[in-house]
Amino acid sequence: MAETTGTIAQLNELIKGIDIAVLTTVRPDGTLHSCPMASQPADASGVFWFISHNNSEKVEAVRTNQRVNLAYADHLSQRYVSISGFCELVRDHALAKTLWYPSYASWFPGGVDDPGLVLLEVHIQQAEYWDAAHGRMVPLLGFPRIM
């Protein structure tokens, strides 16, 4: 695995405390669509997991184009992170239980057992963060740059 534990830890530190990730997908017509998602840290293998509804626009977009971007922003501390990667749709009841928050019930009336619930598995291709000292985005090294 090209990712290192240190790189994943550094990325998680950069996004720590940022509750919302903006997920951008590519629609079938090539236009972009962005929506807020409840943020969770990357897991030990460098994957981000999100819960979504199977009939959402973002899921429809992922079915035709797996390229996605995650954007994180904390204006007060000038932390800005951009992560690009590939998204897979996954049905995993046990994992969904570990990701579940009670606040999700407003979107999923059936709870974690809601038949419309699907997981988005985002594999990191590259990550960049704002370097305030140099006034530019810089790459976070250690992720595969799959083209």
C-alpha atoms as a PDB file:
ATOM      1  CA  MET A   1       0.000   0.000   0.000  1.00  0.00           C
ATOM      2  CA  ALA A   2       1.444   3.352  -1.069  1.00  0.00           C
ATOM      3  CA  GLU A   3      -0.216   5.331   1.726  1.00  0.00           C
ATOM      4  CA  THR A   4       1.656   5.484   4.982  1.00  0.00           C
ATOM      5  CA  THR A   5       0.173   5.629   8.431  1.00  0.00           C
ATOM      6  CA  GLY A   6       1.953   8.958   8.922  1.00  0.00           C
ATOM      7  CA  THR A   7       0.433  10.483   5.783  1.00  0.00           C
ATOM      8  CA  ILE A   8      -3.082   9.395   6.749  1.00  0.00           C
ATOM      9  CA  ALA A   9      -2.552  10.726  10.272  1.00  0.00           C
ATOM     10  CA  GLN A  10      -1.339  14.054   8.852  1.00  0.00           C
ATOM     11  CA  LEU A  11      -4.367  14.283   6.570  1.00  0.00           C
ATOM     12  CA  ASN A  12      -6.731  13.466   9.449  1.00  0.00           C
ATOM     13  CA  GLU A  13      -5.050  16.147  11.558  1.00  0.00           C
ATOM     14  CA  LEU A  14      -5.550  18.698   8.775  1.00  0.00           C
ATOM     15  CA  ILE A  15      -9.311  18.012   8.647  1.00  0.00           C
ATOM     16  CA  LYS A  16      -9.795  17.407  12.385  1.00  0.00           C
ATOM     17  CA  GLY A  17     -12.747  19.379  13.732  1.00  0.00           C
ATOM     18  CA  ILE A  18     -14.139  20.207  10.283  1.00  0.00           C
ATOM     19  CA  ASP A  19     -17.611  18.682  10.461  1.00  0.00           C
ATOM     20  CA  ILE A  20     -18.614  19.066   6.817  1.00  0.00           C
ATOM     21  CA  ALA A  21     -16.898  17.844   3.665  1.00  0.00           C
ATOM     22  CA  VAL A  22     -18.132  19.162   0.339  1.00  0.00           C
ATOM     23  CA  LEU A  23     -18.347  16.225  -2.068  1.00  0.00           C
ATOM     24  CA  THR A  24     -18.123  17.085  -5.761  1.00  0.00           C
ATOM     25  CA  THR A  25     -19.185  14.526  -8.354  1.00  0.00           C
ATOM     26  CA  VAL A  26     -19.292  14.599 -12.162  1.00  0.00           C
ATOM     27  CA  ARG A  27     -22.794  14.333 -13.624  1.00  0.00           C
ATOM     28  CA  PRO A  28     -23.365  12.193 -16.730  1.00  0.00           C
ATOM     29  CA  ASP A  29     -23.427  15.390 -18.856  1.00  0.00           C
ATOM     30  CA  GLY A  30     -19.971  16.359 -17.548  1.00  0.00           C
ATOM     31  CA  THR A  31     -21.110  19.174 -15.246  1.00  0.00           C
ATOM     32  CA  LEU A  32     -20.086  19.208 -11.610  1.00  0.00           C
ATOM     33  CA  HIS A  33     -22.383  18.790  -8.618  1.00  0.00           C
ATOM     34  CA  SER A  34     -21.368  19.568  -5.033  1.00  0.00           C
ATOM     35  CA  CYS A  35     -23.136  18.765  -1.794  1.00  0.00           C
ATOM     36  CA  PRO A  36     -22.280  18.813   1.918  1.00  0.00           C
ATOM     37  CA  MET A  37     -21.595  15.519   3.661  1.00  0.00           C
ATOM     38  CA  ALA A  38     -21.030  14.686   7.331  1.00  0.00           C
ATOM     39  CA  SER A  39     -17.283  14.313   7.693  1.00  0.00           C
ATOM     40  CA  GLN A  40     -15.426  11.399   9.227  1.00  0.00           C
ATOM     41  CA  PRO A  41     -11.661  10.845   9.306  1.00  0.00           C
ATOM     42  CA  ALA A  42      -9.996   8.587   6.764  1.00  0.00           C
ATOM     43  CA  ASP A  43      -9.697   5.011   7.993  1.00  0.00           C
ATOM     44  CA  ALA A  44      -6.370   3.234   8.495  1.00  0.00           C
ATOM     45  CA  SER A  45      -6.218   2.256   4.823  1.00  0.00           C
ATOM     46  CA  GLY A  46      -6.752   5.849   3.672  1.00  0.00           C
ATOM     47  CA  VAL A  47     -10.404   5.530   2.682  1.00  0.00           C
ATOM     48  CA  PHE A  48     -13.164   8.020   3.458  1.00  0.00           C
ATOM     49  CA  TRP A  49     -16.637   6.629   4.133  1.00  0.00           C
ATOM     50  CA  PHE A  50     -19.928   8.498   3.778  1.00  0.00           C
ATOM     51  CA  ILE A  51     -23.570   7.487   4.102  1.00  0.00           C
ATOM     52  CA  SER A  52     -25.946   8.455   1.317  1.00  0.00           C
ATOM     53  CA  HIS A  53     -29.312   7.592  -0.137  1.00  0.00           C
ATOM     54  CA  ASN A  54     -29.267   5.215  -3.101  1.00  0.00           C
ATOM     55  CA  ASN A  55     -31.534   7.514  -5.147  1.00  0.00           C
ATOM     56  CA  SER A  56     -29.511  10.729  -4.679  1.00  0.00           C
ATOM     57  CA  GLU A  57     -27.971  12.784  -7.452  1.00  0.00           C
ATOM     58  CA  LYS A  58     -24.455  12.111  -6.150  1.00  0.00           C
ATOM     59  CA  VAL A  59     -24.984   8.339  -6.241  1.00  0.00           C
ATOM     60  CA  GLU A  60     -26.376   8.552  -9.773  1.00  0.00           C
ATOM     61  CA  ALA A  61     -23.285  10.552 -10.788  1.00  0.00           C
ATOM     62  CA  VAL A  62     -20.906   7.992  -9.214  1.00  0.00           C
ATOM     63  CA  ARG A  63     -22.597   5.227 -11.202  1.00  0.00           C
ATOM     64  CA  THR A  64     -21.351   6.852 -14.429  1.00  0.00           C
ATOM     65  CA  ASN A  65     -18.144   8.565 -13.261  1.00  0.00           C
ATOM     66  CA  GLN A  66     -16.273   7.501 -10.136  1.00  0.00           C
ATOM     67  CA  ARG A  67     -14.037  10.591  -9.980  1.00  0.00           C
ATOM     68  CA  VAL A  68     -14.830  12.760  -6.951  1.00  0.00           C
ATOM     69  CA  ASN A  69     -13.371  15.579  -4.885  1.00  0.00           C
ATOM     70  CA  LEU A  70     -13.716  16.304  -1.184  1.00  0.00           C
ATOM     71  CA  ALA A  71     -13.164  19.853   0.059  1.00  0.00           C
ATOM     72  CA  TYR A  72     -12.711  20.882   3.684  1.00  0.00           C
ATOM     73  CA  ALA A  73     -12.511  24.449   4.980  1.00  0.00           C
ATOM     74  CA  ASP A  74     -11.944  26.022   8.369  1.00  0.00           C
ATOM     75  CA  HIS A  75     -11.728  29.755   7.743  1.00  0.00           C
ATOM     76  CA  LEU A  76     -10.808  30.709  11.313  1.00  0.00           C
ATOM     77  CA  SER A  77      -7.640  28.623  11.350  1.00  0.00           C
ATOM     78  CA  GLN A  78      -7.010  28.968   7.594  1.00  0.00           C
ATOM     79  CA  ARG A  79      -7.134  25.220   7.032  1.00  0.00           C
ATOM     80  CA  TYR A  80      -8.191  24.261   3.510  1.00  0.00           C
ATOM     81  CA  VAL A  81      -7.866  20.725   2.171  1.00  0.00           C
ATOM     82  CA  SER A  82      -8.755  19.257  -1.219  1.00  0.00           C
ATOM     83  CA  ILE A  83      -8.817  15.505  -1.797  1.00  0.00           C
ATOM     84  CA  SER A  84      -9.417  13.918  -5.172  1.00  0.00           C
ATOM     85  CA  GLY A  85     -10.082  10.268  -5.678  1.00  0.00           C
ATOM     86  CA  PHE A  86     -12.384   7.514  -6.837  1.00  0.00           C
ATOM     87  CA  CYS A  87     -15.689   6.535  -5.272  1.00  0.00           C
ATOM     88  CA  GLU A  88     -17.300   3.127  -5.065  1.00  0.00           C
ATOM     89  CA  LEU A  89     -20.829   2.347  -3.926  1.00  0.00           C
ATOM     90  CA  VAL A  90     -20.915  -0.249  -1.156  1.00  0.00           C
ATOM     91  CA  ARG A  91     -23.638  -2.048   0.776  1.00  0.00           C
ATOM     92  CA  ASP A  92     -22.216  -3.159   4.112  1.00  0.00           C
ATOM     93  CA  HIS A  93     -24.674  -3.260   7.000  1.00  0.00           C
ATOM     94  CA  ALA A  94     -22.034  -3.847   9.694  1.00  0.00           C
ATOM     95  CA  LEU A  95     -19.908  -0.928   8.519  1.00  0.00           C
ATOM     96  CA  ALA A  96     -22.978   1.309   8.184  1.00  0.00           C
ATOM     97  CA  LYS A  97     -23.714   0.636  11.867  1.00  0.00           C
ATOM     98  CA  THR A  98     -20.245   1.895  12.849  1.00  0.00           C
ATOM     99  CA  LEU A  99     -20.674   5.074  10.766  1.00  0.00           C
ATOM    100  CA  TRP A 100     -24.241   5.782  11.899  1.00  0.00           C
ATOM    101  CA  TYR A 101     -25.199   8.890  13.886  1.00  0.00           C
ATOM    102  CA  PRO A 102     -28.715   9.356  15.309  1.00  0.00           C
ATOM    103  CA  SER A 103     -29.049  12.633  13.354  1.00  0.00           C
ATOM    104  CA  TYR A 104     -29.067  10.583  10.121  1.00  0.00           C
ATOM    105  CA  ALA A 105     -32.549   9.312  11.001  1.00  0.00           C
ATOM    106  CA  SER A 106     -34.123  12.410   9.425  1.00  0.00           C
ATOM    107  CA  TRP A 107     -32.779  11.244   6.017  1.00  0.00           C
ATOM    108  CA  PHE A 108     -33.205   7.531   6.676  1.00  0.00           C
ATOM    109  CA  PRO A 109     -36.507   6.838   8.490  1.00  0.00           C
ATOM    110  CA  GLY A 110     -35.681   3.125   8.572  1.00  0.00           C
ATOM    111  CA  GLY A 111     -32.472   3.868  10.472  1.00  0.00           C
ATOM    112  CA  VAL A 112     -29.361   1.923   9.619  1.00  0.00           C
ATOM    113  CA  ASP A 113     -31.628  -0.765   8.133  1.00  0.00           C
ATOM    114  CA  ASP A 114     -33.198   1.664   5.637  1.00  0.00           C
ATOM    115  CA  PRO A 115     -33.209  -0.069   2.225  1.00  0.00           C
ATOM    116  CA  GLY A 116     -32.145   3.159   0.498  1.00  0.00           C
ATOM    117  CA  LEU A 117     -28.931   3.485   2.507  1.00  0.00           C
ATOM    118  CA  VAL A 118     -25.683   3.082   0.572  1.00  0.00           C
ATOM    119  CA  LEU A 119     -22.082   3.788   1.536  1.00  0.00           C
ATOM    120  CA  LEU A 120     -19.709   5.908  -0.508  1.00  0.00           C
ATOM    121  CA  GLU A 121     -16.152   4.576  -0.334  1.00  0.00           C
ATOM    122  CA  VAL A 122     -13.716   7.292  -1.447  1.00  0.00           C
ATOM    123  CA  HIS A 123     -10.187   6.109  -2.268  1.00  0.00           C
ATOM    124  CA  ILE A 124      -7.673   8.949  -2.131  1.00  0.00           C
ATOM    125  CA  GLN A 125      -5.770   9.687  -5.337  1.00  0.00           C
ATOM    126  CA  GLN A 126      -4.159  12.899  -4.149  1.00  0.00           C
ATOM    127  CA  ALA A 127      -4.508  15.441  -1.356  1.00  0.00           C
ATOM    128  CA  GLU A 128      -3.515  19.086  -1.147  1.00  0.00           C
ATOM    129  CA  TYR A 129      -3.651  21.611   1.655  1.00  0.00           C
ATOM    130  CA  TRP A 130      -3.287  25.370   1.978  1.00  0.00           C
ATOM    131  CA  ASP A 131       0.199  26.472   3.003  1.00  0.00           C
ATOM    132  CA  ALA A 132      -0.490  29.945   4.441  1.00  0.00           C
ATOM    133  CA  ALA A 133       3.220  30.779   4.718  1.00  0.00           C
ATOM    134  CA  HIS A 134       3.657  30.375   0.950  1.00  0.00           C
ATOM    135  CA  GLY A 135       0.127  31.393  -0.082  1.00  0.00           C
ATOM    136  CA  ARG A 136      -0.604  28.299  -2.151  1.00  0.00           C
ATOM    137  CA  MET A 137      -1.924  24.753  -2.125  1.00  0.00           C
ATOM    138  CA  VAL A 138       0.775  22.102  -1.664  1.00  0.00           C
ATOM    139  CA  PRO A 139       0.523  18.337  -2.166  1.00  0.00           C
ATOM    140  CA  LEU A 140       0.373  15.957   0.753  1.00  0.00           C
ATOM    141  CA  LEU A 141       2.794  13.294  -0.409  1.00  0.00           C
ATOM    142  CA  GLY A 142       2.257   9.582   0.062  1.00  0.00           C
ATOM    143  CA  PHE A 143      -0.906   8.865  -1.921  1.00  0.00           C
ATOM    144  CA  PRO A 144      -0.913   7.069  -5.276  1.00  0.00           C
ATOM    145  CA  ARG A 145      -1.524   9.356  -8.253  1.00  0.00           C
ATOM    146  CA  ILE A 146      -3.628   6.956 -10.303  1.00  0.00           C
ATOM    147  CA  MET A 147      -4.625   8.459 -13.622  1.00  0.00           C
END
